[in-house]
N, C-alpha and C. Protein backbone atom coordinates (compact mmCIF):
# COMPACT_ATOMS: atom_id res chain seq x y z
N MET A 1 61.65 181.96 -187.46
CA MET A 1 62.65 181.30 -186.67
C MET A 1 63.71 182.30 -186.19
N ALA A 2 64.02 183.29 -186.97
CA ALA A 2 64.97 184.32 -186.58
C ALA A 2 64.44 185.13 -185.41
N ILE A 3 63.13 185.29 -185.33
CA ILE A 3 62.54 186.05 -184.23
C ILE A 3 62.72 185.30 -182.91
N ALA A 4 62.53 184.00 -182.88
CA ALA A 4 62.70 183.20 -181.68
C ALA A 4 64.15 183.26 -181.19
N THR A 5 65.09 183.22 -182.07
CA THR A 5 66.50 183.28 -181.70
C THR A 5 66.83 184.65 -181.12
N ALA A 6 66.31 185.70 -181.70
CA ALA A 6 66.57 187.06 -181.23
C ALA A 6 66.00 187.27 -179.84
N VAL A 7 64.88 186.66 -179.53
CA VAL A 7 64.25 186.82 -178.22
C VAL A 7 65.08 186.12 -177.15
N ASN A 8 65.66 184.97 -177.45
CA ASN A 8 66.42 184.20 -176.48
C ASN A 8 67.82 184.76 -176.22
N GLU A 9 68.35 185.53 -177.13
CA GLU A 9 69.69 186.08 -176.96
C GLU A 9 69.63 187.30 -176.04
N GLU A 10 70.67 187.44 -175.21
CA GLU A 10 70.76 188.59 -174.32
C GLU A 10 71.55 189.70 -175.00
N ALA A 11 71.18 190.90 -174.66
CA ALA A 11 71.97 192.03 -175.14
C ALA A 11 73.32 191.99 -174.42
N PRO A 12 74.38 192.41 -175.09
CA PRO A 12 75.71 192.38 -174.46
C PRO A 12 75.75 193.14 -173.13
N ALA A 13 75.05 194.27 -173.06
CA ALA A 13 75.04 195.05 -171.82
C ALA A 13 74.37 194.28 -170.69
N THR A 14 73.30 193.55 -171.00
CA THR A 14 72.59 192.77 -169.99
C THR A 14 73.47 191.64 -169.49
N LYS A 15 74.15 190.96 -170.40
CA LYS A 15 75.04 189.87 -170.01
C LYS A 15 76.18 190.42 -169.15
N PHE A 16 76.73 191.57 -169.52
CA PHE A 16 77.80 192.18 -168.73
C PHE A 16 77.31 192.50 -167.33
N ALA A 17 76.11 193.07 -167.21
CA ALA A 17 75.55 193.43 -165.90
C ALA A 17 75.34 192.18 -165.05
N LYS A 18 74.84 191.12 -165.65
CA LYS A 18 74.63 189.87 -164.91
C LYS A 18 75.95 189.30 -164.43
N ASP A 19 76.95 189.29 -165.30
CA ASP A 19 78.27 188.78 -164.93
C ASP A 19 78.89 189.62 -163.82
N GLN A 20 78.72 190.92 -163.92
CA GLN A 20 79.26 191.82 -162.91
C GLN A 20 78.56 191.59 -161.57
N LEU A 21 77.24 191.45 -161.59
CA LEU A 21 76.48 191.19 -160.37
C LEU A 21 76.91 189.87 -159.74
N ARG A 22 77.04 188.83 -160.54
CA ARG A 22 77.47 187.51 -160.05
C ARG A 22 78.86 187.63 -159.40
N SER A 23 79.75 188.38 -160.03
CA SER A 23 81.10 188.56 -159.51
C SER A 23 81.07 189.27 -158.16
N ILE A 24 80.25 190.29 -158.04
CA ILE A 24 80.14 191.04 -156.79
C ILE A 24 79.62 190.14 -155.68
N ILE A 25 78.56 189.39 -155.97
CA ILE A 25 77.98 188.49 -154.97
C ILE A 25 79.00 187.44 -154.53
N GLU A 26 79.72 186.86 -155.47
CA GLU A 26 80.72 185.85 -155.13
C GLU A 26 81.85 186.42 -154.29
N ARG A 27 82.26 187.66 -154.57
CA ARG A 27 83.29 188.31 -153.77
C ARG A 27 82.80 188.54 -152.35
N ILE A 28 81.56 189.01 -152.21
CA ILE A 28 80.99 189.25 -150.88
C ILE A 28 80.92 187.94 -150.10
N GLU A 29 80.45 186.88 -150.76
CA GLU A 29 80.37 185.58 -150.10
C GLU A 29 81.74 185.09 -149.64
N ARG A 30 82.74 185.27 -150.47
CA ARG A 30 84.10 184.85 -150.12
C ARG A 30 84.62 185.66 -148.92
N LEU A 31 84.36 186.97 -148.92
CA LEU A 31 84.79 187.81 -147.81
C LEU A 31 84.05 187.45 -146.52
N GLU A 32 82.77 187.13 -146.64
CA GLU A 32 82.00 186.70 -145.45
C GLU A 32 82.61 185.43 -144.86
N GLU A 33 83.02 184.50 -145.71
CA GLU A 33 83.67 183.27 -145.24
C GLU A 33 84.98 183.59 -144.52
N GLU A 34 85.75 184.50 -145.10
CA GLU A 34 87.01 184.90 -144.48
C GLU A 34 86.77 185.58 -143.14
N LYS A 35 85.73 186.42 -143.09
CA LYS A 35 85.39 187.13 -141.85
C LYS A 35 85.03 186.12 -140.75
N LYS A 36 84.27 185.10 -141.12
CA LYS A 36 83.89 184.07 -140.14
C LYS A 36 85.13 183.33 -139.65
N ALA A 37 86.04 183.00 -140.56
CA ALA A 37 87.26 182.30 -140.17
C ALA A 37 88.09 183.16 -139.22
N ILE A 38 88.18 184.44 -139.51
CA ILE A 38 88.94 185.35 -138.63
C ILE A 38 88.27 185.47 -137.27
N SER A 39 86.94 185.57 -137.25
CA SER A 39 86.20 185.63 -135.98
C SER A 39 86.46 184.38 -135.15
N ASP A 40 86.46 183.23 -135.81
CA ASP A 40 86.75 181.98 -135.11
C ASP A 40 88.16 181.99 -134.54
N ASP A 41 89.12 182.50 -135.31
CA ASP A 41 90.51 182.59 -134.84
C ASP A 41 90.62 183.50 -133.62
N ILE A 42 89.93 184.63 -133.66
CA ILE A 42 89.96 185.57 -132.53
C ILE A 42 89.37 184.92 -131.29
N ARG A 43 88.25 184.22 -131.46
CA ARG A 43 87.62 183.52 -130.34
C ARG A 43 88.58 182.49 -129.75
N ASP A 44 89.31 181.79 -130.62
CA ASP A 44 90.28 180.80 -130.16
C ASP A 44 91.40 181.45 -129.34
N VAL A 45 91.86 182.61 -129.76
CA VAL A 45 92.93 183.32 -129.02
C VAL A 45 92.41 183.74 -127.65
N TYR A 46 91.18 184.24 -127.58
CA TYR A 46 90.62 184.60 -126.28
C TYR A 46 90.48 183.37 -125.39
N ALA A 47 90.05 182.25 -125.95
CA ALA A 47 89.92 181.01 -125.17
C ALA A 47 91.29 180.55 -124.66
N GLU A 48 92.29 180.67 -125.52
CA GLU A 48 93.65 180.29 -125.11
C GLU A 48 94.15 181.19 -123.98
N SER A 49 93.88 182.50 -124.12
CA SER A 49 94.32 183.43 -123.07
C SER A 49 93.62 183.13 -121.75
N LYS A 50 92.34 182.77 -121.82
CA LYS A 50 91.60 182.41 -120.61
C LYS A 50 92.21 181.17 -119.98
N GLY A 51 92.57 180.20 -120.81
CA GLY A 51 93.21 178.99 -120.31
C GLY A 51 94.56 179.27 -119.67
N ASN A 52 95.19 180.36 -120.06
CA ASN A 52 96.48 180.74 -119.47
C ASN A 52 96.32 181.67 -118.28
N GLY A 53 95.07 181.89 -117.85
CA GLY A 53 94.82 182.66 -116.64
C GLY A 53 94.56 184.14 -116.84
N PHE A 54 94.44 184.60 -118.08
CA PHE A 54 94.16 186.01 -118.32
C PHE A 54 92.66 186.28 -118.27
N ASP A 55 92.29 187.47 -117.86
CA ASP A 55 90.89 187.87 -117.79
C ASP A 55 90.46 188.35 -119.18
N VAL A 56 89.56 187.62 -119.81
CA VAL A 56 89.14 187.91 -121.18
C VAL A 56 88.42 189.25 -121.27
N LYS A 57 87.61 189.57 -120.28
CA LYS A 57 86.90 190.85 -120.29
C LYS A 57 87.90 192.02 -120.29
N ALA A 58 88.94 191.90 -119.50
CA ALA A 58 89.98 192.95 -119.46
C ALA A 58 90.71 193.02 -120.80
N LEU A 59 91.00 191.86 -121.39
CA LEU A 59 91.67 191.85 -122.69
C LEU A 59 90.82 192.54 -123.75
N ARG A 60 89.52 192.23 -123.77
CA ARG A 60 88.62 192.86 -124.74
C ARG A 60 88.58 194.38 -124.54
N THR A 61 88.58 194.80 -123.29
CA THR A 61 88.58 196.24 -122.99
C THR A 61 89.86 196.90 -123.49
N ILE A 62 90.98 196.26 -123.27
CA ILE A 62 92.26 196.81 -123.74
C ILE A 62 92.28 196.91 -125.26
N VAL A 63 91.81 195.87 -125.94
CA VAL A 63 91.78 195.89 -127.41
C VAL A 63 90.90 197.05 -127.89
N ARG A 64 89.73 197.23 -127.23
CA ARG A 64 88.83 198.32 -127.61
C ARG A 64 89.49 199.68 -127.36
N LEU A 65 90.16 199.82 -126.22
CA LEU A 65 90.81 201.10 -125.90
C LEU A 65 91.95 201.42 -126.86
N ARG A 66 92.68 200.40 -127.27
CA ARG A 66 93.81 200.63 -128.19
C ARG A 66 93.34 201.07 -129.58
N LYS A 67 92.09 200.77 -129.90
CA LYS A 67 91.54 201.21 -131.19
C LYS A 67 91.18 202.69 -131.18
N GLN A 68 90.95 203.23 -130.00
CA GLN A 68 90.53 204.62 -129.88
C GLN A 68 91.68 205.58 -130.13
N ASP A 69 91.32 206.77 -130.54
CA ASP A 69 92.29 207.86 -130.66
C ASP A 69 92.80 208.18 -129.25
N PRO A 70 94.10 208.37 -129.07
CA PRO A 70 94.64 208.63 -127.73
C PRO A 70 94.00 209.84 -127.03
N ASN A 71 93.71 210.89 -127.78
CA ASN A 71 93.09 212.07 -127.16
C ASN A 71 91.67 211.77 -126.71
N GLU A 72 90.91 211.05 -127.51
CA GLU A 72 89.55 210.68 -127.13
C GLU A 72 89.56 209.76 -125.91
N ARG A 73 90.51 208.84 -125.89
CA ARG A 73 90.62 207.92 -124.76
C ARG A 73 90.96 208.68 -123.49
N ALA A 74 91.89 209.62 -123.56
CA ALA A 74 92.27 210.42 -122.39
C ALA A 74 91.08 211.23 -121.88
N GLU A 75 90.32 211.81 -122.81
CA GLU A 75 89.15 212.59 -122.41
C GLU A 75 88.12 211.71 -121.71
N ALA A 76 87.86 210.52 -122.25
CA ALA A 76 86.88 209.61 -121.64
C ALA A 76 87.35 209.15 -120.26
N GLU A 77 88.65 208.89 -120.13
CA GLU A 77 89.19 208.47 -118.84
C GLU A 77 89.09 209.60 -117.81
N THR A 78 89.32 210.83 -118.23
CA THR A 78 89.21 211.98 -117.34
C THR A 78 87.77 212.15 -116.86
N ILE A 79 86.84 212.03 -117.78
CA ILE A 79 85.42 212.16 -117.40
C ILE A 79 85.03 211.05 -116.43
N LEU A 80 85.44 209.83 -116.73
CA LEU A 80 85.12 208.69 -115.86
C LEU A 80 85.70 208.91 -114.47
N GLU A 81 86.95 209.34 -114.41
CA GLU A 81 87.59 209.59 -113.12
C GLU A 81 86.86 210.69 -112.35
N THR A 82 86.46 211.75 -113.03
CA THR A 82 85.72 212.85 -112.40
C THR A 82 84.41 212.34 -111.80
N TYR A 83 83.67 211.56 -112.57
CA TYR A 83 82.40 211.02 -112.10
C TYR A 83 82.60 210.08 -110.91
N MET A 84 83.61 209.23 -111.00
CA MET A 84 83.87 208.28 -109.91
C MET A 84 84.27 209.02 -108.64
N GLN A 85 85.05 210.07 -108.79
CA GLN A 85 85.46 210.87 -107.64
C GLN A 85 84.24 211.56 -107.03
N ALA A 86 83.36 212.09 -107.86
CA ALA A 86 82.15 212.76 -107.36
C ALA A 86 81.25 211.78 -106.60
N LEU A 87 81.28 210.53 -106.97
CA LEU A 87 80.46 209.51 -106.30
C LEU A 87 81.18 208.84 -105.13
N GLY A 88 82.40 209.30 -104.84
CA GLY A 88 83.15 208.75 -103.74
C GLY A 88 83.70 207.35 -104.00
N MET A 89 83.89 207.05 -105.25
CA MET A 89 84.37 205.71 -105.61
C MET A 89 85.91 205.66 -105.68
N LEU A 90 86.58 206.81 -105.57
CA LEU A 90 88.05 206.83 -105.64
C LEU A 90 88.62 207.25 -104.30
């Protein structure tokens, strides 16, 4: 009977690893839920801005540009301007 009990019991390290894994998974799931809620909020702000007459595509471009390093953005703008000028677009 002692053998059956020993087989069913988990080693402390195994139980710790399982608890740690469960904790990690639950944290990821919670963060995924928060990420979805934030995405929904962002979508709502864009919809509101569109309702107020703003161009959503332009807003998204501005948000993307503001994330860039100023030097990288200036370099990309210079290259774009050079190409557009070469094609007679300016």
